[in-house]
């Protein structure tokens, strides 16, 4: 009983304090805090040109000033909202319950508009809930028809209601002009093409093709790009330029993955960059940061493909060695036509591993030749790297010549001729047979590219000293160690260990006598 009585007294005291605070708020010149009525959900009745509305009201005790929710529209974020006079957090709770998110640096509440049906249902829920929570909504800055807005109760409007700010024009930098000027300042020959995207049509291909796991990939997945530009070089490099979300004077620049390259996830991606609308500075950052990272990523991927092709070629050769002996007699002559058929299979498999490098193998060899003088001379000689690089270049030149001859024959064939398929099959078998030597040479020496790249990334070895310098340093080190406190302690311990019985002291002082 005593506990219940204490609780009732505390509640009565809390109600009294709340009433005193409300009266003090009114006495200091604020707007009236005693509304005449409280609105409950609207009900439509009657017929008319505007649709008459009626509401049922009831008396409400005194409380704080009416809270307001101001709705706005952002071209990229969607719906935005702000609260006014929300002393008790009613408007905040309504917005969070309706689905608005917080934490944006420029807006208090944000609701995406990618799905119009969900946005319409959210607004309808918000408009229906404000009536029972003593909250009003200002949606004057929204475009188009919106759900019915509930007006505040009579006599409770704030002295200075919030006025909607005028819509500001979109002052974004011109993407087409920026892309054209940027393409003219990049090294090499570049062409620019601007694309306009309606809704989400261009978002999925861009997010799939962009070679980025950083800010650009996140922006393309979270925001819908309304426009973008693609810069294409004469060597096939493609660069994406698009607006940076929420920044009107900045652009996002990233590269696309090369088509048909089969990149794996172990390669370090050349993440995109953020640039200003100055094409001179943007071209400098693309040239010094983005393009070198792209070339390094492509080179790492190609070296990974080299290692895989060499391993596959070794498996082909091992399979051929296991079968060829069974198809020959004791003098190593073929027994029948099965030897020739199996040999054609071997040539085709080796050419399939060698052919992809006819296009970019020369660039790998050239980069290795540029790196070779910077490596350890002893390691270069031991691995015969210079000789093996020259063998790779000869293999690529020979393979390109064989492929060019095959292309001449293939283009001369008539598709409608009855023997065109048989002639084409014979030309393929002849190309594979003539390219067998170059394929084998590539498989035997391509590992040097991986070895040179690994040696280039290895940390440099410490510089070696001459023998005389090492001897001088050792002598000085021994002299320094002999005078160190640690050496003195060791000498003292050795003397005490091997010393005899203590001598008789003839002096009372602890200081030893002076010598004559």
Protein backbone atom coordinates (compact mmCIF):
# COMPACT_ATOMS: atom_id res chain seq x y z
CA UNK A 1 0.00 0.00 0.00
CA UNK A 2 2.81 2.37 0.82
CA UNK A 3 4.43 1.75 -2.61
CA UNK A 4 1.18 2.41 -4.48
CA UNK A 5 0.62 5.64 -2.55
CA UNK A 6 4.14 6.81 -3.40
CA UNK A 7 3.62 6.08 -7.10
CA UNK A 8 0.33 8.03 -7.16
CA UNK A 9 1.98 11.02 -5.50
CA UNK A 10 4.82 10.94 -8.05
CA UNK A 11 2.39 10.87 -10.97
CA UNK A 12 0.39 13.78 -9.58
CA UNK A 13 3.62 15.75 -9.13
CA UNK A 14 4.68 15.01 -12.72
CA UNK A 15 1.33 16.22 -14.09
CA UNK A 16 1.61 19.41 -12.04
CA UNK A 17 5.12 20.12 -13.37
CA UNK A 18 3.93 19.53 -16.95
CA UNK A 19 1.05 22.02 -16.52
CA UNK A 20 3.37 24.64 -14.99
CA UNK A 21 5.77 24.31 -17.94
CA UNK A 22 2.93 24.78 -20.45
CA UNK A 23 1.67 27.93 -18.66
CA UNK A 24 5.19 29.37 -18.51
CA UNK A 25 5.61 28.73 -22.24
CA UNK A 26 2.47 30.76 -23.00
CA UNK A 27 3.32 33.55 -20.53
CA UNK A 28 6.66 34.30 -22.22
CA UNK A 29 5.08 35.45 -25.46
CA UNK A 30 4.99 32.23 -27.49
CA UNK A 31 2.09 31.18 -29.64
CA UNK A 32 -0.99 29.81 -28.01
CA UNK A 33 -0.54 26.30 -26.73
CA UNK A 34 -4.22 25.62 -26.09
CA UNK A 35 -5.79 24.55 -29.36
CA UNK A 36 -9.50 24.56 -29.60
CA UNK A 37 -9.77 21.11 -31.11
CA UNK A 38 -7.80 18.03 -32.07
CA UNK A 39 -8.10 16.60 -35.54
CA UNK A 40 -8.77 12.93 -36.11
CA UNK A 41 -8.66 11.16 -39.49
CA UNK A 42 -10.51 12.87 -42.32
CA UNK A 43 -13.67 11.39 -43.87
CA UNK A 44 -14.97 12.41 -47.28
CA UNK A 45 -18.69 13.09 -47.70
CA UNK A 46 -21.04 14.82 -50.08
CA UNK A 47 -20.48 15.64 -53.74
CA UNK A 48 -19.05 18.87 -55.08
CA UNK A 49 -16.50 20.33 -57.42
CA UNK A 50 -13.73 20.06 -54.84
CA UNK A 51 -15.00 17.25 -52.64
CA UNK A 52 -16.06 18.58 -49.24
CA UNK A 53 -14.20 17.31 -46.22
CA UNK A 54 -15.41 17.05 -42.68
CA UNK A 55 -13.72 16.04 -39.43
CA UNK A 56 -14.78 15.11 -35.94
CA UNK A 57 -13.15 17.09 -33.15
CA UNK A 58 -12.84 16.79 -29.43
CA UNK A 59 -11.31 18.89 -26.72
CA UNK A 60 -7.60 18.43 -25.94
CA UNK A 61 -5.66 19.59 -22.91
CA UNK A 62 -2.90 22.19 -23.22
CA UNK A 63 0.40 21.01 -24.75
CA UNK A 64 3.34 22.30 -26.76
CA UNK A 65 3.25 24.17 -30.08
CA UNK A 66 2.04 22.34 -33.19
CA UNK A 67 4.80 20.34 -34.93
CA UNK A 68 5.33 20.71 -38.68
CA UNK A 69 6.80 18.37 -41.32
CA UNK A 70 8.13 20.08 -44.47
CA UNK A 71 8.41 17.77 -47.51
CA UNK A 72 10.67 18.43 -50.49
CA UNK A 73 11.89 16.73 -53.67
CA UNK A 74 15.54 16.12 -54.61
CA UNK A 75 16.38 15.13 -58.22
CA UNK A 76 18.63 12.25 -57.13
CA UNK A 77 17.82 11.40 -53.53
CA UNK A 78 14.05 11.47 -53.85
CA UNK A 79 11.80 12.81 -51.10
CA UNK A 80 13.32 14.88 -48.30
CA UNK A 81 11.74 16.02 -45.04
CA UNK A 82 12.49 18.39 -42.19
CA UNK A 83 10.72 19.01 -38.87
CA UNK A 84 9.80 22.25 -37.08
CA UNK A 85 8.68 22.77 -33.45
CA UNK A 86 9.02 19.05 -32.81
CA UNK A 87 9.61 19.42 -29.07
CA UNK A 88 8.25 16.00 -28.12
CA UNK A 89 9.53 14.03 -31.17
CA UNK A 90 6.12 13.21 -32.66
CA UNK A 91 7.12 14.25 -36.18
CA UNK A 92 10.39 12.36 -35.89
CA UNK A 93 8.63 9.13 -34.93
CA UNK A 94 6.10 9.50 -37.74
CA UNK A 95 8.82 9.94 -40.37
CA UNK A 96 10.83 6.99 -39.13
CA UNK A 97 7.74 4.77 -38.97
CA UNK A 98 6.83 5.79 -42.52
CA UNK A 99 10.21 4.63 -43.86
CA UNK A 100 12.32 7.79 -44.03
CA UNK A 101 16.03 7.32 -43.31
CA UNK A 102 18.38 9.60 -41.37
CA UNK A 103 22.10 10.23 -41.35
CA UNK A 104 22.47 12.21 -44.57
CA UNK A 105 24.86 15.17 -44.22
CA UNK A 106 22.59 17.65 -46.06
CA UNK A 107 19.04 16.48 -45.25
CA UNK A 108 17.48 15.34 -41.98
CA UNK A 109 15.23 12.69 -43.56
CA UNK A 110 15.43 11.03 -47.00
CA UNK A 111 13.09 8.61 -48.80
CA UNK A 112 14.12 7.12 -52.18
CA UNK A 113 11.67 7.43 -55.09
CA UNK A 114 12.84 4.50 -57.22
CA UNK A 115 9.50 2.72 -56.64
CA UNK A 116 6.56 5.14 -57.08
CA UNK A 117 3.97 2.73 -55.68
CA UNK A 118 5.81 2.34 -52.38
CA UNK A 119 6.38 6.11 -52.16
CA UNK A 120 2.66 6.76 -52.69
CA UNK A 121 1.74 4.22 -50.01
CA UNK A 122 4.27 5.72 -47.61
CA UNK A 123 2.90 9.24 -48.10
CA UNK A 124 -0.66 8.02 -47.65
CA UNK A 125 0.38 6.37 -44.37
CA UNK A 126 2.12 9.55 -43.24
CA UNK A 127 -0.85 11.78 -44.09
CA UNK A 128 -3.19 9.41 -42.27
CA UNK A 129 -1.03 9.27 -39.14
CA UNK A 130 -0.37 12.97 -38.61
CA UNK A 131 -4.00 13.75 -37.72
CA UNK A 132 -3.90 11.66 -34.56
CA UNK A 133 -0.49 12.95 -33.46
CA UNK A 134 -1.09 16.72 -33.60
CA UNK A 135 1.34 17.23 -36.53
CA UNK A 136 0.84 19.24 -39.74
CA UNK A 137 2.50 18.73 -43.15
CA UNK A 138 3.78 21.40 -45.57
CA UNK A 139 4.05 19.89 -49.07
CA UNK A 140 3.95 23.07 -51.14
CA UNK A 141 7.36 22.38 -52.70
CA UNK A 142 6.35 18.97 -54.09
CA UNK A 143 5.52 18.63 -57.78
CA UNK A 144 2.40 16.91 -59.03
CA UNK A 145 -0.71 15.73 -57.15
CA UNK A 146 -0.12 14.40 -53.66
CA UNK A 147 -2.41 12.77 -51.10
CA UNK A 148 -4.76 15.06 -49.22
CA UNK A 149 -2.87 17.18 -46.70
CA UNK A 150 -4.44 17.65 -43.32
CA UNK A 151 -4.71 21.25 -42.21
CA UNK A 152 -3.83 22.12 -38.62
CA UNK A 153 -6.62 22.81 -36.15
CA UNK A 154 -7.98 26.34 -36.10
CA UNK A 155 -6.26 28.75 -33.80
CA UNK A 156 -3.12 26.66 -33.46
CA UNK A 157 -1.16 27.82 -36.54
CA UNK A 158 2.36 29.07 -35.68
CA UNK A 159 3.01 32.80 -35.78
CA UNK A 160 5.52 32.38 -38.62
CA UNK A 161 4.68 29.30 -40.68
CA UNK A 162 7.55 27.94 -42.76
CA UNK A 163 7.58 29.21 -46.32
CA UNK A 164 8.76 26.82 -49.05
CA UNK A 165 12.06 27.83 -50.61
CA UNK A 166 12.01 28.48 -54.37
CA UNK A 167 13.26 25.64 -56.57
CA UNK A 168 16.83 26.15 -57.59
CA UNK A 169 17.81 25.38 -61.19
CA UNK A 170 20.12 22.44 -61.84
CA UNK A 171 23.53 24.04 -62.18
CA UNK A 172 25.44 20.85 -62.92
CA UNK A 173 28.51 21.04 -65.09
CA UNK A 174 28.04 20.15 -68.75
CA UNK A 175 29.04 16.49 -69.07
CA UNK A 176 29.25 16.50 -72.88
CA UNK A 177 31.58 19.50 -72.99
CA UNK A 178 33.72 18.10 -70.17
CA UNK A 179 34.05 14.68 -71.86
CA UNK A 180 34.98 16.28 -75.20
CA UNK A 181 37.70 18.43 -73.66
CA UNK A 182 38.98 15.53 -71.55
CA UNK A 183 39.29 13.22 -74.57
CA UNK A 184 41.40 15.83 -76.37
CA UNK A 185 43.90 16.05 -73.50
CA UNK A 186 44.52 12.34 -72.90
CA UNK A 187 47.53 10.63 -74.52
CA UNK A 188 46.70 8.98 -77.82
CA UNK A 189 43.53 9.24 -79.89
CA UNK A 190 40.21 9.19 -78.00
CA UNK A 191 36.57 9.56 -79.02
CA UNK A 192 33.75 10.64 -76.67
CA UNK A 193 30.11 9.45 -76.81
CA UNK A 194 27.45 10.81 -74.44
CA UNK A 195 24.49 8.63 -73.42
CA UNK A 196 21.26 9.71 -71.75
CA UNK A 197 19.62 7.14 -69.48
CA UNK A 198 15.88 7.11 -68.79
CA UNK A 199 15.08 5.72 -65.37
CA UNK A 200 17.14 2.61 -64.64
CA UNK A 201 17.81 1.50 -68.21
CA UNK A 202 21.53 2.29 -68.17
CA UNK A 203 22.35 1.41 -64.57
CA UNK A 204 22.68 -2.37 -64.77
CA UNK A 205 25.11 -2.57 -67.73
CA UNK A 206 27.32 0.16 -66.27
CA UNK A 207 27.55 -1.45 -62.84
CA UNK A 208 28.35 -4.81 -64.43
CA UNK A 209 31.02 -3.55 -66.84
CA UNK A 210 32.82 -1.03 -64.66
CA UNK A 211 36.14 -2.34 -63.31
CA UNK A 212 35.89 -0.93 -59.82
CA UNK A 213 35.26 -2.20 -56.31
CA UNK A 214 35.36 1.23 -54.67
CA UNK A 215 33.44 4.50 -54.73
CA UNK A 216 32.31 4.37 -58.38
CA UNK A 217 30.84 0.88 -58.03
CA UNK A 218 28.99 1.96 -54.87
CA UNK A 219 27.62 5.10 -56.55
CA UNK A 220 26.33 3.16 -59.58
CA UNK A 221 24.62 0.64 -57.31
CA UNK A 222 23.00 3.23 -55.03
CA UNK A 223 22.07 5.99 -57.54
CA UNK A 224 20.66 5.94 -61.02
CA UNK A 225 22.92 7.80 -63.49
CA UNK A 226 20.81 10.02 -65.73
CA UNK A 227 23.67 10.59 -68.17
CA UNK A 228 27.15 9.28 -68.82
CA UNK A 229 29.95 9.50 -71.37
CA UNK A 230 32.25 6.76 -72.65
CA UNK A 231 35.74 7.63 -73.90
CA UNK A 232 37.27 5.04 -76.26
CA UNK A 233 40.94 5.01 -77.24
CA UNK A 234 42.51 3.67 -80.41
CA UNK A 235 43.89 0.73 -78.40
CA UNK A 236 40.44 -0.29 -77.12
CA UNK A 237 40.51 1.21 -73.60
CA UNK A 238 37.07 2.43 -72.48
CA UNK A 239 36.64 5.06 -69.75
CA UNK A 240 33.32 5.91 -68.10
CA UNK A 241 32.59 9.51 -67.09
CA UNK A 242 29.44 10.24 -65.10
CA UNK A 243 28.10 12.80 -62.64
CA UNK A 244 29.03 12.35 -59.01
CA UNK A 245 25.87 12.07 -56.88
CA UNK A 246 25.16 15.08 -54.64
CA UNK A 247 28.14 17.02 -56.08
CA UNK A 248 27.23 19.29 -58.98
CA UNK A 249 30.78 20.22 -59.94
CA UNK A 250 32.47 16.82 -59.72
CA UNK A 251 32.58 13.73 -61.93
CA UNK A 252 33.33 10.04 -61.43
CA UNK A 253 35.79 8.43 -63.83
CA UNK A 254 36.44 4.68 -64.06
CA UNK A 255 37.53 2.15 -66.67
CA UNK A 256 35.58 -0.74 -68.15
CA UNK A 257 36.83 -4.29 -68.09
CA UNK A 258 38.34 -5.30 -71.46
CA UNK A 259 35.84 -7.37 -73.37
CA UNK A 260 36.37 -11.12 -73.38
CA UNK A 261 39.34 -11.04 -71.03
CA UNK A 262 38.07 -13.34 -68.31
CA UNK A 263 39.46 -11.46 -65.32
CA UNK A 264 39.54 -13.23 -62.00
CA UNK A 265 38.83 -11.81 -58.58
CA UNK A 266 42.46 -12.06 -57.45
CA UNK A 267 43.52 -9.16 -59.65
CA UNK A 268 43.73 -5.78 -57.94
CA UNK A 269 41.15 -3.63 -59.69
CA UNK A 270 42.06 -0.14 -60.96
CA UNK A 271 39.45 1.70 -58.88
CA UNK A 272 38.00 4.90 -60.30
CA UNK A 273 38.73 8.46 -59.23
CA UNK A 274 36.81 11.63 -58.39
CA UNK A 275 37.72 14.74 -60.41
CA UNK A 276 36.52 18.32 -60.56
CA UNK A 277 34.94 19.91 -63.61
CA UNK A 278 38.34 21.24 -64.72
CA UNK A 279 39.35 19.10 -67.74
CA UNK A 280 43.04 20.01 -67.43
CA UNK A 281 43.38 18.69 -63.89
CA UNK A 282 41.11 15.75 -64.67
CA UNK A 283 43.29 14.74 -67.63
CA UNK A 284 46.39 14.92 -65.45
CA UNK A 285 44.86 12.65 -62.81
CA UNK A 286 43.61 10.16 -65.40
CA UNK A 287 47.03 10.05 -67.08
CA UNK A 288 49.09 9.73 -63.90
CA UNK A 289 46.79 7.63 -61.71
CA UNK A 290 43.97 5.81 -63.50
CA UNK A 291 45.65 4.66 -66.73
CA UNK A 292 48.83 3.31 -65.02
CA UNK A 293 46.69 1.34 -62.57
CA UNK A 294 44.64 0.00 -65.47
CA UNK A 295 47.71 -1.09 -67.42
CA UNK A 296 49.20 -2.76 -64.35
CA UNK A 297 45.95 -4.65 -63.67
CA UNK A 298 45.74 -5.80 -67.29
CA UNK A 299 49.36 -6.94 -67.19
CA UNK A 300 48.82 -8.92 -63.98
CA UNK A 301 45.80 -10.63 -65.48
CA UNK A 302 47.66 -11.49 -68.67
CA UNK A 303 50.57 -12.94 -66.68
CA UNK A 304 48.08 -15.05 -64.76
CA UNK A 305 46.76 -16.31 -68.09
CA UNK A 306 50.32 -17.07 -69.21
CA UNK A 307 50.88 -19.26 -66.16
CA UNK A 308 47.60 -21.09 -66.78
CA UNK A 309 48.36 -21.63 -70.49
CA UNK A 310 51.83 -22.99 -69.71
CA UNK A 311 50.36 -25.47 -67.23
CA UNK A 312 47.73 -26.52 -69.78
CA UNK A 313 50.41 -26.95 -72.46
CA UNK A 314 52.45 -29.16 -70.16
CA UNK A 315 49.40 -31.36 -69.64
CA UNK A 316 48.92 -31.63 -73.42
CA UNK A 317 52.54 -32.66 -73.91
CA UNK A 318 52.35 -35.20 -71.08
CA UNK A 319 49.24 -36.75 -72.65
CA UNK A 320 50.92 -36.91 -76.04
CA UNK A 321 54.03 -38.58 -74.60
CA UNK A 322 51.87 -41.20 -72.90
CA UNK A 323 49.97 -42.06 -76.11
CA UNK A 324 52.59 -41.67 -78.85
CA UNK A 325 54.67 -44.66 -77.78
CA UNK A 326 51.67 -46.98 -77.93
CA UNK A 327 50.94 -45.86 -81.52
CA UNK A 328 54.47 -46.63 -82.80
CA UNK A 329 56.46 -49.81 -83.30
CA UNK A 330 59.81 -50.71 -81.79
CA UNK A 331 61.61 -48.46 -84.32
CA UNK A 332 59.30 -45.53 -83.43
CA UNK A 333 57.37 -45.65 -86.71
CA UNK A 334 53.58 -45.04 -86.67
CA UNK A 335 51.51 -48.21 -86.80
CA UNK A 336 48.46 -46.76 -88.61
CA UNK A 337 46.52 -43.56 -89.25
CA UNK A 338 45.60 -43.24 -85.58
CA UNK A 339 48.96 -41.63 -84.96
CA UNK A 340 48.22 -38.84 -87.44
CA UNK A 341 44.74 -38.24 -86.03
CA UNK A 342 46.08 -38.04 -82.47
CA UNK A 343 48.81 -35.71 -83.67
CA UNK A 344 46.19 -33.35 -85.13
CA UNK A 345 44.43 -33.28 -81.76
CA UNK A 346 47.72 -32.40 -80.07
CA UNK A 347 48.44 -29.59 -82.55
CA UNK A 348 44.93 -28.14 -82.14
CA UNK A 349 45.15 -28.14 -78.33
CA UNK A 350 48.58 -26.48 -78.33
CA UNK A 351 47.46 -23.82 -80.82
CA UNK A 352 44.39 -23.06 -78.70
CA UNK A 353 46.69 -22.27 -75.75
CA UNK A 354 49.06 -20.19 -77.90
CA UNK A 355 46.66 -18.21 -80.12
CA UNK A 356 45.33 -15.74 -77.47
CA UNK A 357 48.84 -14.34 -76.96
CA UNK A 358 49.29 -13.40 -80.63
CA UNK A 359 47.38 -10.20 -79.84
CA UNK A 360 48.95 -8.98 -76.57
CA UNK A 361 52.00 -11.20 -76.20
CA UNK A 362 54.30 -8.64 -77.84
CA UNK A 363 53.39 -6.07 -75.18
CA UNK A 364 54.26 -8.55 -72.41
CA UNK A 365 57.63 -9.32 -73.99
CA UNK A 366 58.40 -5.63 -74.53
CA UNK A 367 57.65 -4.80 -70.89
CA UNK A 368 59.83 -7.68 -69.72
CA UNK A 369 62.70 -6.47 -71.93
CA UNK A 370 62.40 -2.99 -70.40
CA UNK A 371 62.48 -4.43 -66.88
CA UNK A 372 65.35 -6.85 -67.54
CA UNK A 373 68.28 -4.35 -67.17
CA UNK A 374 67.01 -3.34 -63.71
CA UNK A 375 67.19 -6.86 -62.24
CA UNK A 376 70.02 -8.76 -60.61
CA UNK A 377 72.69 -9.66 -63.25
CA UNK A 378 73.45 -13.00 -61.63
CA UNK A 379 69.80 -13.99 -61.70
CA UNK A 380 69.46 -12.90 -65.32
CA UNK A 381 72.38 -15.04 -66.39
CA UNK A 382 71.30 -18.07 -64.36
CA UNK A 383 67.81 -18.02 -65.82
CA UNK A 384 68.89 -17.20 -69.41
CA UNK A 385 66.20 -14.57 -69.44
CA UNK A 386 67.50 -12.59 -72.40
CA UNK A 387 67.71 -15.66 -74.64
CA UNK A 388 64.27 -16.88 -73.62
CA UNK A 389 62.71 -13.46 -74.33
CA UNK A 390 64.20 -13.49 -77.83
CA UNK A 391 62.79 -17.01 -78.35
CA UNK A 392 59.34 -15.77 -77.29
CA UNK A 393 59.50 -12.89 -79.75
CA UNK A 394 60.44 -15.25 -82.60
CA UNK A 395 57.57 -17.57 -81.63
CA UNK A 396 55.07 -14.70 -81.69
CA UNK A 397 56.33 -13.49 -85.08
CA UNK A 398 56.11 -16.98 -86.55
CA UNK A 399 52.65 -17.62 -85.10
CA UNK A 400 51.38 -14.30 -86.49
CA UNK A 401 52.71 -15.21 -89.95
CA UNK A 402 51.00 -18.63 -89.87
CA UNK A 403 47.72 -17.06 -88.72
CA UNK A 404 47.87 -14.43 -91.49
CA UNK A 405 48.32 -17.15 -94.15
CA UNK A 406 45.36 -19.04 -92.73
CA UNK A 407 43.21 -15.90 -92.85
CA UNK A 408 43.98 -15.45 -96.54
CA UNK A 409 42.79 -18.98 -97.28
CA UNK A 410 39.69 -18.66 -95.10
CA UNK A 411 38.63 -15.39 -96.74
CA UNK A 412 39.09 -16.87 -100.23
CA UNK A 413 36.62 -19.71 -99.61
CA UNK A 414 33.12 -19.50 -101.06
CA UNK A 415 30.45 -20.23 -98.43
CA UNK A 416 28.08 -21.84 -100.95
CA UNK A 417 30.67 -24.20 -102.44
CA UNK A 418 30.01 -27.87 -101.54
CA UNK A 419 33.67 -28.47 -100.60
CA UNK A 420 34.17 -25.27 -98.61
CA UNK A 421 33.81 -27.01 -95.23
CA UNK A 422 36.29 -29.74 -96.08
CA UNK A 423 38.81 -27.22 -97.41
CA UNK A 424 38.39 -25.08 -94.31
CA UNK A 425 39.00 -28.10 -92.04
CA UNK A 426 42.16 -28.96 -94.00
CA UNK A 427 43.36 -25.34 -93.69
CA UNK A 428 42.82 -25.43 -89.91
CA UNK A 429 44.76 -28.69 -89.59
CA UNK A 430 47.59 -27.29 -91.73
CA UNK A 431 47.74 -24.10 -89.64
CA UNK A 432 47.91 -26.09 -86.41
CA UNK A 433 50.63 -28.34 -87.82
CA UNK A 434 52.74 -25.42 -89.05
CA UNK A 435 52.23 -23.57 -85.78
CA UNK A 436 53.25 -26.56 -83.66
CA UNK A 437 56.88 -25.43 -83.48
CA UNK A 438 55.94 -21.90 -82.40
CA UNK A 439 53.39 -23.16 -79.87
CA UNK A 440 55.95 -25.48 -78.34
CA UNK A 441 58.57 -22.71 -78.22
CA UNK A 442 56.10 -20.42 -76.45
CA UNK A 443 55.14 -23.05 -73.87
CA UNK A 444 58.79 -23.84 -73.12
CA UNK A 445 59.84 -20.22 -72.55
CA UNK A 446 56.71 -18.30 -71.48
CA UNK A 447 57.44 -18.95 -67.83
CA UNK A 448 60.23 -16.36 -68.00
CA UNK A 449 57.58 -13.61 -68.13
CA UNK A 450 56.22 -14.71 -64.76
CA UNK A 451 59.74 -15.04 -63.33
CA UNK A 452 60.72 -11.52 -64.41
CA UNK A 453 57.51 -10.03 -63.00
CA UNK A 454 58.06 -11.84 -59.69
CA UNK A 455 61.69 -10.67 -59.51
CA UNK A 456 60.63 -7.11 -60.31
CA UNK A 457 58.19 -7.06 -57.39
CA UNK A 458 60.59 -8.68 -54.94
CA UNK A 459 62.09 -6.32 -52.32
CA UNK A 460 65.63 -5.15 -53.19
CA UNK A 461 68.48 -6.98 -51.50
CA UNK A 462 70.69 -4.95 -49.13
CA UNK A 463 73.89 -3.66 -50.76
CA UNK A 464 76.91 -5.89 -50.25
CA UNK A 465 80.15 -4.56 -48.74
CA UNK A 466 83.66 -5.37 -49.84
CA UNK A 467 85.74 -7.86 -47.84
CA UNK A 468 88.14 -5.18 -46.58
CA UNK A 469 85.24 -2.99 -45.40
CA UNK A 470 83.74 -5.95 -43.58
CA UNK A 471 87.09 -6.69 -41.88
CA UNK A 472 87.55 -3.05 -40.82
CA UNK A 473 84.02 -2.95 -39.51
CA UNK A 474 84.52 -6.21 -37.62
CA UNK A 475 87.72 -4.90 -35.98
CA UNK A 476 86.04 -1.71 -34.90
CA UNK A 477 83.02 -3.60 -33.64
CA UNK A 478 85.19 -5.90 -31.55
CA UNK A 479 87.03 -2.92 -30.03
CA UNK A 480 83.73 -1.19 -29.21
CA UNK A 481 82.31 -4.34 -27.65
CA UNK A 482 85.46 -4.82 -25.51
CA UNK A 483 84.89 -1.42 -23.89
CA UNK A 484 81.14 -1.84 -23.44
CA UNK A 485 79.57 -2.28 -19.94
CA UNK A 486 78.31 -5.70 -20.93
CA UNK A 487 81.85 -6.90 -21.73
CA UNK A 488 83.13 -5.41 -18.47
CA UNK A 489 80.52 -7.34 -16.50
CA UNK A 490 81.46 -10.54 -18.28
CA UNK A 491 85.18 -10.02 -17.51
CA UNK A 492 84.44 -9.25 -13.84
CA UNK A 493 82.30 -12.38 -13.51
CA UNK A 494 85.04 -14.52 -15.04
CA UNK A 495 87.68 -13.06 -12.71
CA UNK A 496 85.54 -13.61 -9.62
CA UNK A 497 84.82 -17.18 -10.69
CA UNK A 498 88.49 -18.09 -11.08
CA UNK A 499 89.88 -15.96 -8.19
CA UNK A 500 91.34 -17.43 -5.00
CA UNK A 501 90.51 -16.58 -1.34
CA UNK A 502 90.08 -12.90 -0.57
CA UNK A 503 93.28 -11.02 0.37
CA UNK A 504 93.86 -9.42 3.79
CA UNK A 505 93.00 -5.73 3.78
CA UNK A 506 95.46 -3.44 5.62
CA UNK A 507 93.48 -0.24 5.20
CA UNK A 508 90.27 0.79 6.86
CA UNK A 509 89.19 2.85 3.88
CA UNK A 510 87.40 1.13 1.04
CA UNK A 511 89.48 3.04 -1.51
CA UNK A 512 92.55 1.07 -2.71
CA UNK A 513 95.97 2.57 -1.83
CA UNK A 514 97.72 4.72 -4.31
CA UNK A 515 100.66 3.25 -6.12
CA UNK A 516 104.06 4.80 -5.63
